[in-house]
C-alpha atoms as a PDB file:
ATOM      1  CA  MET A   1     -62.186 103.524 -51.114  1.00  0.00           C
ATOM      2  CA  THR A   2     -58.427 105.582 -49.984  1.00  0.00           C
ATOM      3  CA  GLU A   3     -55.336 104.516 -50.858  1.00  0.00           C
ATOM      4  CA  PRO A   4     -53.570 101.668 -49.527  1.00  0.00           C
ATOM      5  CA  PHE A   5     -50.684 102.521 -47.207  1.00  0.00           C
ATOM      6  CA  PRO A   6     -47.541 102.262 -48.277  1.00  0.00           C
ATOM      7  CA  ASP A   7     -45.595  99.001 -49.608  1.00  0.00           C
ATOM      8  CA  ILE A   8     -44.223  98.332 -46.083  1.00  0.00           C
ATOM      9  CA  ALA A   9     -45.488  94.454 -44.998  1.00  0.00           C
ATOM     10  CA  GLY A  10     -47.966  91.786 -46.351  1.00  0.00           C
ATOM     11  CA  PRO A  11     -49.292  88.468 -45.047  1.00  0.00           C
ATOM     12  CA  ASP A  12     -46.125  86.623 -46.307  1.00  0.00           C
ATOM     13  CA  THR A  13     -44.531  88.368 -44.036  1.00  0.00           C
ATOM     14  CA  LEU A  14     -45.604  86.537 -40.861  1.00  0.00           C
ATOM     15  CA  ALA A  15     -44.844  83.049 -39.840  1.00  0.00           C
ATOM     16  CA  ARG A  16     -47.983  80.547 -41.365  1.00  0.00           C
ATOM     17  CA  PRO A  17     -48.909  78.576 -38.028  1.00  0.00           C
ATOM     18  CA  GLU A  18     -50.540  75.346 -37.874  1.00  0.00           C
ATOM     19  CA  PHE A  19     -52.905  73.619 -35.343  1.00  0.00           C
ATOM     20  CA  SER A  20     -53.624  70.094 -34.409  1.00  0.00           C
ATOM     21  CA  ILE A  21     -57.216  69.996 -33.933  1.00  0.00           C
ATOM     22  CA  ASP A  22     -57.315  70.466 -30.133  1.00  0.00           C
ATOM     23  CA  GLU A  23     -55.367  73.254 -30.540  1.00  0.00           C
ATOM     24  CA  LEU A  24     -57.547  74.814 -32.891  1.00  0.00           C
ATOM     25  CA  ALA A  25     -60.262  73.936 -30.574  1.00  0.00           C
ATOM     26  CA  ALA A  26     -57.954  75.236 -27.501  1.00  0.00           C
ATOM     27  CA  LYS A  27     -57.054  78.209 -29.869  1.00  0.00           C
ATOM     28  CA  THR A  28     -61.125  79.566 -30.613  1.00  0.00           C
ATOM     29  CA  GLY A  29     -62.949  78.533 -26.727  1.00  0.00           C
ATOM     30  CA  SER A  30     -64.759  76.252 -29.508  1.00  0.00           C
ATOM     31  CA  THR A  31     -64.671  72.293 -29.111  1.00  0.00           C
ATOM     32  CA  VAL A  32     -63.374  69.647 -31.194  1.00  0.00           C
ATOM     33  CA  ARG A  33     -66.836  68.355 -31.785  1.00  0.00           C
ATOM     34  CA  ASN A  34     -68.070  71.410 -32.394  1.00  0.00           C
ATOM     35  CA  ILE A  35     -65.298  71.509 -35.462  1.00  0.00           C
ATOM     36  CA  ARG A  36     -66.434  68.652 -36.627  1.00  0.00           C
ATOM     37  CA  ALA A  37     -69.763  69.529 -36.881  1.00  0.00           C
ATOM     38  CA  TYR A  38     -68.520  72.461 -38.500  1.00  0.00           C
ATOM     39  CA  GLN A  39     -66.509  70.283 -41.130  1.00  0.00           C
ATOM     40  CA  ASP A  40     -69.646  68.713 -41.388  1.00  0.00           C
ATOM     41  CA  ARG A  41     -72.157  71.481 -42.417  1.00  0.00           C
ATOM     42  CA  GLY A  42     -69.611  72.980 -44.718  1.00  0.00           C
ATOM     43  CA  LEU A  43     -69.073  75.483 -42.438  1.00  0.00           C
ATOM     44  CA  LEU A  44     -65.388  74.647 -41.792  1.00  0.00           C
ATOM     45  CA  PRO A  45     -62.874  73.376 -44.504  1.00  0.00           C
ATOM     46  CA  PRO A  46     -61.549  69.833 -44.442  1.00  0.00           C
ATOM     47  CA  PRO A  47     -57.755  69.949 -42.715  1.00  0.00           C
ATOM     48  CA  GLU A  48     -54.811  68.925 -44.982  1.00  0.00           C
ATOM     49  CA  ARG A  49     -53.924  65.363 -44.169  1.00  0.00           C
ATOM     50  CA  ARG A  50     -50.414  64.076 -43.557  1.00  0.00           C
ATOM     51  CA  GLY A  51     -50.819  61.201 -43.009  1.00  0.00           C
ATOM     52  CA  ARG A  52     -53.630  60.139 -40.922  1.00  0.00           C
ATOM     53  CA  LYS A  53     -53.440  63.678 -38.994  1.00  0.00           C
ATOM     54  CA  GLY A  54     -55.398  66.363 -40.147  1.00  0.00           C
ATOM     55  CA  ILE A  55     -53.081  70.022 -40.145  1.00  0.00           C
ATOM     56  CA  TYR A  56     -55.456  73.328 -40.014  1.00  0.00           C
ATOM     57  CA  ASN A  57     -54.354  76.685 -40.482  1.00  0.00           C
ATOM     58  CA  ASP A  58     -54.385  80.027 -40.202  1.00  0.00           C
ATOM     59  CA  ALA A  59     -57.459  80.579 -42.568  1.00  0.00           C
ATOM     60  CA  HIS A  60     -59.591  77.601 -40.041  1.00  0.00           C
ATOM     61  CA  LEU A  61     -58.150  80.159 -37.554  1.00  0.00           C
ATOM     62  CA  SER A  62     -60.245  82.506 -39.006  1.00  0.00           C
ATOM     63  CA  ARG A  63     -63.266  81.511 -40.263  1.00  0.00           C
ATOM     64  CA  LEU A  64     -63.820  79.714 -37.138  1.00  0.00           C
ATOM     65  CA  ARG A  65     -63.520  82.830 -35.364  1.00  0.00           C
ATOM     66  CA  ILE A  66     -66.300  84.435 -37.569  1.00  0.00           C
ATOM     67  CA  ILE A  67     -68.793  81.609 -36.986  1.00  0.00           C
ATOM     68  CA  ASN A  68     -67.818  82.092 -33.117  1.00  0.00           C
ATOM     69  CA  ARG A  69     -68.919  85.841 -33.387  1.00  0.00           C
ATOM     70  CA  LEU A  70     -72.011  84.938 -35.616  1.00  0.00           C
ATOM     71  CA  LEU A  71     -73.427  82.378 -33.076  1.00  0.00           C
ATOM     72  CA  GLU A  72     -72.737  85.052 -30.184  1.00  0.00           C
ATOM     73  CA  ARG A  73     -74.482  87.862 -32.056  1.00  0.00           C
ATOM     74  CA  GLY A  74     -77.552  85.208 -33.165  1.00  0.00           C
ATOM     75  CA  TYR A  75     -76.893  83.601 -35.998  1.00  0.00           C
ATOM     76  CA  THR A  76     -77.759  79.852 -36.228  1.00  0.00           C
ATOM     77  CA  LEU A  77     -75.477  77.714 -38.003  1.00  0.00           C
ATOM     78  CA  SER A  78     -78.192  77.786 -41.461  1.00  0.00           C
ATOM     79  CA  ASN A  79     -78.200  81.085 -41.421  1.00  0.00           C
ATOM     80  CA  ILE A  80     -74.239  81.004 -40.917  1.00  0.00           C
ATOM     81  CA  GLY A  81     -74.129  78.008 -44.267  1.00  0.00           C
ATOM     82  CA  GLU A  82     -76.616  81.064 -45.668  1.00  0.00           C
ATOM     83  CA  LEU A  83     -74.159  83.446 -45.064  1.00  0.00           C
ATOM     84  CA  ILE A  84     -71.022  81.622 -46.823  1.00  0.00           C
ATOM     85  CA  GLU A  85     -73.376  80.817 -49.492  1.00  0.00           C
ATOM     86  CA  SER A  86     -74.419  84.063 -50.803  1.00  0.00           C
ATOM     87  CA  TRP A  87     -70.945  84.857 -50.261  1.00  0.00           C
ATOM     88  CA  GLU A  88     -69.733  81.546 -53.031  1.00  0.00           C
ATOM     89  CA  ARG A  89     -72.718  82.124 -55.992  1.00  0.00           C
ATOM     90  CA  GLY A  90     -71.845  86.157 -55.324  1.00  0.00           C
ATOM     91  CA  ASN A  91     -68.184  85.104 -56.354  1.00  0.00           C
ATOM     92  CA  ASP A  92     -67.124  87.456 -53.274  1.00  0.00           C
ATOM     93  CA  ILE A  93     -65.809  84.602 -50.964  1.00  0.00           C
ATOM     94  CA  GLY A  94     -61.943  84.862 -51.580  1.00  0.00           C
ATOM     95  CA  SER A  95     -61.606  88.259 -50.749  1.00  0.00           C
ATOM     96  CA  LEU A  96     -63.560  88.055 -48.315  1.00  0.00           C
ATOM     97  CA  LEU A  97     -62.237  85.999 -46.341  1.00  0.00           C
ATOM     98  CA  GLY A  98     -58.739  87.688 -47.312  1.00  0.00           C
ATOM     99  CA  LEU A  99     -60.092  90.262 -44.931  1.00  0.00           C
ATOM    100  CA  GLU A 100     -61.456  87.784 -42.744  1.00  0.00           C
ATOM    101  CA  THR A 101     -58.031  86.102 -42.002  1.00  0.00           C
ATOM    102  CA  ALA A 102     -56.373  89.857 -42.310  1.00  0.00           C
ATOM    103  CA  VAL A 103     -58.590  90.988 -39.096  1.00  0.00           C
ATOM    104  CA  ALA A 104     -58.293  87.667 -37.123  1.00  0.00           C
ATOM    105  CA  THR A 105     -55.130  86.633 -38.338  1.00  0.00           C
ATOM    106  CA  PRO A 106     -52.758  86.553 -34.712  1.00  0.00           C
ATOM    107  CA  TRP A 107     -50.254  90.151 -34.974  1.00  0.00           C
ATOM    108  CA  SER A 108     -47.575  88.204 -34.254  1.00  0.00           C
ATOM    109  CA  ASP A 109     -45.181  85.974 -35.753  1.00  0.00           C
ATOM    110  CA  GLU A 110     -44.521  84.282 -32.462  1.00  0.00           C
ATOM    111  CA  LEU A 111     -44.868  80.332 -31.767  1.00  0.00           C
ATOM    112  CA  PRO A 112     -46.332  79.136 -28.737  1.00  0.00           C
ATOM    113  CA  ASP A 113     -44.330  77.309 -26.475  1.00  0.00           C
ATOM    114  CA  TYR A 114     -45.127  74.462 -23.867  1.00  0.00           C
ATOM    115  CA  MET A 115     -43.544  73.682 -20.451  1.00  0.00           C
ATOM    116  CA  THR A 116     -43.815  72.025 -17.843  1.00  0.00           C
ATOM    117  CA  MET A 117     -43.612  73.198 -13.914  1.00  0.00           C
ATOM    118  CA  PRO A 118     -40.020  71.272 -13.324  1.00  0.00           C
ATOM    119  CA  GLN A 119     -39.021  73.114 -16.183  1.00  0.00           C
ATOM    120  CA  LEU A 120     -40.789  77.006 -14.984  1.00  0.00           C
ATOM    121  CA  LEU A 121     -38.325  75.923 -11.829  1.00  0.00           C
ATOM    122  CA  ARG A 122     -35.190  75.446 -13.313  1.00  0.00           C
ATOM    123  CA  MET A 123     -34.963  78.877 -15.761  1.00  0.00           C
ATOM    124  CA  PHE A 124     -36.566  80.495 -12.517  1.00  0.00           C
ATOM    125  CA  GLN A 125     -33.863  79.030 -10.102  1.00  0.00           C
ATOM    126  CA  GLY A 126     -36.714  78.022  -8.010  1.00  0.00           C
ATOM    127  CA  ASN A 127     -38.533  81.743  -7.505  1.00  0.00           C
ATOM    128  CA  PHE A 128     -41.771  80.398  -9.332  1.00  0.00           C
ATOM    129  CA  SER A 129     -44.221  80.849  -6.163  1.00  0.00           C
ATOM    130  CA  ARG A 130     -47.948  79.283  -5.868  1.00  0.00           C
ATOM    131  CA  ARG A 131     -48.847  83.093  -5.988  1.00  0.00           C
ATOM    132  CA  ALA A 132     -46.508  83.758  -9.268  1.00  0.00           C
ATOM    133  CA  LEU A 133     -48.212  80.941 -10.731  1.00  0.00           C
ATOM    134  CA  ASN A 134     -51.458  81.893 -10.350  1.00  0.00           C
ATOM    135  CA  LYS A 135     -51.196  85.305 -11.488  1.00  0.00           C
ATOM    136  CA  ALA A 136     -49.475  84.355 -14.712  1.00  0.00           C
ATOM    137  CA  ILE A 137     -52.503  82.113 -15.077  1.00  0.00           C
ATOM    138  CA  GLU A 138     -54.526  84.701 -14.694  1.00  0.00           C
ATOM    139  CA  LEU A 139     -52.287  87.135 -17.300  1.00  0.00           C
ATOM    140  CA  ASP A 140     -52.516  84.811 -19.611  1.00  0.00           C
ATOM    141  CA  VAL A 141     -48.401  84.180 -19.429  1.00  0.00           C
ATOM    142  CA  LEU A 142     -49.525  80.907 -19.105  1.00  0.00           C
ATOM    143  CA  ARG A 143     -52.483  78.241 -19.798  1.00  0.00           C
ATOM    144  CA  PRO A 144     -52.596  75.008 -18.104  1.00  0.00           C
ATOM    145  CA  GLU A 145     -52.835  71.817 -20.165  1.00  0.00           C
ATOM    146  CA  GLY A 146     -52.901  68.819 -18.425  1.00  0.00           C
ATOM    147  CA  MET A 147     -49.292  68.173 -17.301  1.00  0.00           C
ATOM    148  CA  ARG A 148     -48.045  70.938 -18.922  1.00  0.00           C
ATOM    149  CA  PHE A 149     -48.540  74.651 -19.525  1.00  0.00           C
ATOM    150  CA  ARG A 150     -48.999  76.042 -23.270  1.00  0.00           C
ATOM    151  CA  VAL A 151     -46.325  79.926 -23.217  1.00  0.00           C
ATOM    152  CA  PRO A 152     -48.298  82.142 -25.804  1.00  0.00           C
ATOM    153  CA  SER A 153     -45.207  83.964 -25.487  1.00  0.00           C
ATOM    154  CA  PRO A 154     -42.211  82.922 -24.978  1.00  0.00           C
ATOM    155  CA  ARG A 155     -39.882  85.760 -25.409  1.00  0.00           C
ATOM    156  CA  MET A 156     -42.192  87.443 -22.452  1.00  0.00           C
ATOM    157  CA  LEU A 157     -41.619  84.163 -20.116  1.00  0.00           C
ATOM    158  CA  HIS A 158     -37.853  84.089 -21.141  1.00  0.00           C
ATOM    159  CA  ALA A 159     -37.633  87.752 -20.409  1.00  0.00           C
ATOM    160  CA  GLY A 160     -38.988  87.605 -16.771  1.00  0.00           C
ATOM    161  CA  ALA A 161     -36.428  84.748 -15.530  1.00  0.00           C
ATOM    162  CA  GLU A 162     -33.328  87.386 -17.043  1.00  0.00           C
ATOM    163  CA  LEU A 163     -34.786  90.304 -14.446  1.00  0.00           C
ATOM    164  CA  VAL A 164     -35.656  87.048 -12.134  1.00  0.00           C
ATOM    165  CA  ARG A 165     -32.280  86.347 -12.172  1.00  0.00           C
ATOM    166  CA  ALA A 166     -31.256  90.343 -11.948  1.00  0.00           C
ATOM    167  CA  GLY A 167     -32.904  90.428  -8.780  1.00  0.00           C
ATOM    168  CA  ILE A 168     -36.855  91.431  -9.610  1.00  0.00           C
ATOM    169  CA  PRO A 169     -39.218  89.109  -7.715  1.00  0.00           C
ATOM    170  CA  LEU A 170     -41.258  87.280  -9.868  1.00  0.00           C
ATOM    171  CA  GLU A 171     -44.241  88.988  -8.269  1.00  0.00           C
ATOM    172  CA  ASP A 172     -43.974  92.641  -8.189  1.00  0.00           C
ATOM    173  CA  MET A 173     -42.853  91.764 -12.110  1.00  0.00           C
ATOM    174  CA  LEU A 174     -46.156  90.269 -12.511  1.00  0.00           C
ATOM    175  CA  ASP A 175     -48.147  92.886 -10.688  1.00  0.00           C
ATOM    176  CA  VAL A 176     -46.667  95.548 -13.587  1.00  0.00           C
ATOM    177  CA  VAL A 177     -47.606  93.828 -16.340  1.00  0.00           C
ATOM    178  CA  GLY A 178     -51.543  93.171 -15.512  1.00  0.00           C
ATOM    179  CA  HIS A 179     -50.757  97.023 -15.329  1.00  0.00           C
ATOM    180  CA  LEU A 180     -49.446  97.443 -18.248  1.00  0.00           C
ATOM    181  CA  ARG A 181     -51.980  95.206 -20.195  1.00  0.00           C
ATOM    182  CA  ALA A 182     -54.567  97.783 -19.045  1.00  0.00           C
ATOM    183  CA  ASN A 183     -53.158 100.168 -20.581  1.00  0.00           C
ATOM    184  CA  VAL A 184     -52.135  98.994 -23.523  1.00  0.00           C
ATOM    185  CA  GLU A 185     -55.571  97.077 -23.846  1.00  0.00           C
ATOM    186  CA  GLN A 186     -56.911 100.564 -23.873  1.00  0.00           C
ATOM    187  CA  ALA A 187     -54.837 102.384 -26.255  1.00  0.00           C
ATOM    188  CA  SER A 188     -54.884  99.351 -29.009  1.00  0.00           C
ATOM    189  CA  ASP A 189     -58.779  99.529 -28.623  1.00  0.00           C
ATOM    190  CA  ALA A 190     -58.522 103.328 -29.122  1.00  0.00           C
ATOM    191  CA  MET A 191     -56.766 102.924 -31.900  1.00  0.00           C
ATOM    192  CA  VAL A 192     -58.836  99.991 -33.698  1.00  0.00           C
ATOM    193  CA  LYS A 193     -61.481 102.166 -33.241  1.00  0.00           C
ATOM    194  CA  LEU A 194     -60.461 104.701 -35.513  1.00  0.00           C
ATOM    195  CA  VAL A 195     -60.292 102.528 -38.225  1.00  0.00           C
ATOM    196  CA  ALA A 196     -63.162 101.205 -37.730  1.00  0.00           C
ATOM    197  CA  ARG A 197     -65.174 104.263 -37.450  1.00  0.00           C
ATOM    198  CA  HIS A 198     -62.737 106.195 -40.395  1.00  0.00           C
ATOM    199  CA  VAL A 199     -62.676 103.525 -43.214  1.00  0.00           C
ATOM    200  CA  PHE A 200     -65.527 100.701 -41.966  1.00  0.00           C
ATOM    201  CA  ASP A 201     -68.179 102.483 -41.169  1.00  0.00           C
ATOM    202  CA  ARG A 202     -68.111 104.169 -44.124  1.00  0.00           C
ATOM    203  CA  TYR A 203     -70.048 101.415 -45.845  1.00  0.00           C
ATOM    204  CA  GLY A 204     -72.958 101.398 -43.233  1.00  0.00           C
ATOM    205  CA  GLU A 205     -73.177  99.436 -39.939  1.00  0.00           C
ATOM    206  CA  GLY A 206     -72.587  95.908 -40.287  1.00  0.00           C
ATOM    207  CA  GLN A 207     -73.039  96.023 -44.150  1.00  0.00           C
ATOM    208  CA  LEU A 208     -70.227  94.353 -45.967  1.00  0.00           C
ATOM    209  CA  PRO A 209     -68.203  96.593 -48.801  1.00  0.00           C
ATOM    210  CA  PRO A 210     -68.967  96.250 -51.921  1.00  0.00           C
ATOM    211  CA  SER A 211     -65.809  92.992 -53.605  1.00  0.00           C
ATOM    212  CA  GLU A 212     -64.355  95.818 -55.842  1.00  0.00           C
ATOM    213  CA  ASP A 213     -62.978  97.029 -52.541  1.00  0.00           C
ATOM    214  CA  LEU A 214     -62.015  94.356 -50.243  1.00  0.00           C
ATOM    215  CA  SER A 215     -58.665  92.963 -51.093  1.00  0.00           C
ATOM    216  CA  SER A 216     -57.686  97.311 -50.342  1.00  0.00           C
ATOM    217  CA  LEU A 217     -59.094  97.037 -46.859  1.00  0.00           C
ATOM    218  CA  ALA A 218     -57.678  93.466 -46.751  1.00  0.00           C
ATOM    219  CA  ASP A 219     -53.965  95.191 -47.594  1.00  0.00           C
ATOM    220  CA  LEU A 220     -54.980  97.888 -45.422  1.00  0.00           C
ATOM    221  CA  VAL A 221     -55.203  96.033 -42.516  1.00  0.00           C
ATOM    222  CA  TRP A 222     -52.024  93.853 -43.122  1.00  0.00           C
ATOM    223  CA  ARG A 223     -50.315  97.311 -43.528  1.00  0.00           C
ATOM    224  CA  LEU A 224     -51.800  98.484 -40.043  1.00  0.00           C
ATOM    225  CA  ARG A 225     -49.263  95.908 -38.331  1.00  0.00           C
ATOM    226  CA  PRO A 226     -45.990  96.795 -38.875  1.00  0.00           C
ATOM    227  CA  LEU A 227     -47.166 100.616 -38.217  1.00  0.00           C
ATOM    228  CA  VAL A 228     -48.640 100.238 -35.381  1.00  0.00           C
ATOM    229  CA  GLU A 229     -45.539  99.334 -34.095  1.00  0.00           C
ATOM    230  CA  MET A 230     -43.287 101.781 -35.565  1.00  0.00           C
ATOM    231  CA  ALA A 231     -45.557 104.199 -33.867  1.00  0.00           C
ATOM    232  CA  VAL A 232     -45.819 102.243 -30.663  1.00  0.00           C
ATOM    233  CA  LEU A 233     -42.043 101.379 -30.059  1.00  0.00           C
ATOM    234  CA  PRO A 234     -41.017 104.579 -29.747  1.00  0.00           C
ATOM    235  CA  GLU A 235     -43.086 105.710 -27.322  1.00  0.00           C
ATOM    236  CA  VAL A 236     -42.207 103.257 -25.086  1.00  0.00           C
ATOM    237  CA  ALA A 237     -38.636 103.982 -25.898  1.00  0.00           C
ATOM    238  CA  ARG A 238     -39.512 107.582 -24.691  1.00  0.00           C
ATOM    239  CA  ALA A 239     -41.281 106.287 -21.709  1.00  0.00           C
ATOM    240  CA  MET A 240     -38.441 104.465 -20.165  1.00  0.00           C
ATOM    241  CA  ALA A 241     -35.539 106.779 -21.103  1.00  0.00           C
ATOM    242  CA  ASN A 242     -38.010 109.267 -18.685  1.00  0.00           C
ATOM    243  CA  SER A 243     -38.119 106.678 -16.255  1.00  0.00           C
ATOM    244  CA  ALA A 244     -34.872 106.190 -16.269  1.00  0.00           C
ATOM    245  CA  ASP A 245     -33.659 109.622 -15.882  1.00  0.00           C
ATOM    246  CA  GLN A 246     -36.090 110.252 -12.733  1.00  0.00           C
ATOM    247  CA  HIS A 247     -35.744 106.726 -11.044  1.00  0.00           C
ATOM    248  CA  LEU A 248     -32.134 105.733 -11.723  1.00  0.00           C
ATOM    249  CA  GLY A 249     -30.872 109.276 -12.386  1.00  0.00           C
ATOM    250  CA  ASP A 250     -30.478 109.770  -9.134  1.00  0.00           C
ATOM    251  CA  ARG A 251     -29.133 107.407  -7.948  1.00  0.00           C
ATOM    252  CA  LEU A 252     -26.210 107.307 -10.608  1.00  0.00           C
ATOM    253  CA  ALA A 253     -25.158 111.120  -9.881  1.00  0.00           C
ATOM    254  CA  MET A 254     -25.370 110.086  -5.585  1.00  0.00           C
ATOM    255  CA  ILE A 255     -23.078 107.089  -6.770  1.00  0.00           C
ATOM    256  CA  MET A 256     -20.194 109.328  -8.913  1.00  0.00           C
ATOM    257  CA  GLU A 257     -20.073 111.951  -6.263  1.00  0.00           C
ATOM    258  CA  HIS A 258     -20.080 108.877  -3.857  1.00  0.00           C
ATOM    259  CA  LEU A 259     -16.681 108.122  -5.634  1.00  0.00           C
ATOM    260  CA  HIS A 260     -15.423 112.062  -5.341  1.00  0.00           C
ATOM    261  CA  ASP A 261     -16.062 112.249  -1.565  1.00  0.00           C
ATOM    262  CA  LYS A 262     -13.962 108.726  -1.135  1.00  0.00           C
ATOM    263  CA  ASP A 263     -11.703 109.467  -3.565  1.00  0.00           C
ATOM    264  CA  GLY A 264     -10.759 113.411  -2.047  1.00  0.00           C
ATOM    265  CA  SER A 265     -10.419 112.153   1.428  1.00  0.00           C
ATOM    266  CA  ASP A 266      -8.236 109.474   0.010  1.00  0.00           C
ATOM    267  CA  ASN A 267      -5.138 112.285  -1.033  1.00  0.00           C
ATOM    268  CA  THR A 268      -5.913 114.025   1.858  1.00  0.00           C
ATOM    269  CA  THR A 269      -2.415 113.692   3.996  1.00  0.00           C
ATOM    270  CA  ASP A 270      -2.522 114.840   7.464  1.00  0.00           C
END
């Protein structure tokens, strides 16, 4: 087993979100009925009880995502139950779920928010057309939930509002987000495949790593998160610097030249 990455960050550095059963179902594409059925079968631990309210956390989220993946691969609920029982009998379940949590936990500490249409209109000063709304929903910037919208990334939404105030049309900006999304997903996919191919595949395709390696693998995935950010942000900064110089540098030079010419003409005497 390779040595883990240097001690940069661990699971405790990310906020631990909490969910109601409805929020858990929406986040995993499941249903409340299915979640309760999984609990009844012992596949999913019960929630924490706070009064009459059940509180779910990222451990439930990661377990539910694994169940969904196994179902997609053709496993039945009975098969999944047998797998979980097997892990527990082998005393590997704690380490295995630690690795499961490292893989499935969202790669951002940003918590989602909710907004109504009147709030969106106020935020964007009325510059929020039907086309922009449809595009935002298509890009998962907004998710309709009843009479309001779930905002997965409030930071992105607030950045968009500031750019709109600067005079950039929202529809054009969302088109750029669409192009960016495709490029980022391609780069992210390639980077994660490197980890899968050079670290996980050494155990054989579909094979469970030995229990003594599970915690090290989980540690590696947690440390991959800040390392990816360290690698990506400089590339974004480099690309922005090049684009700013290319598209804004000429305009700045023209403005300076115009000011110089104007200053020269003002100093000309008859």
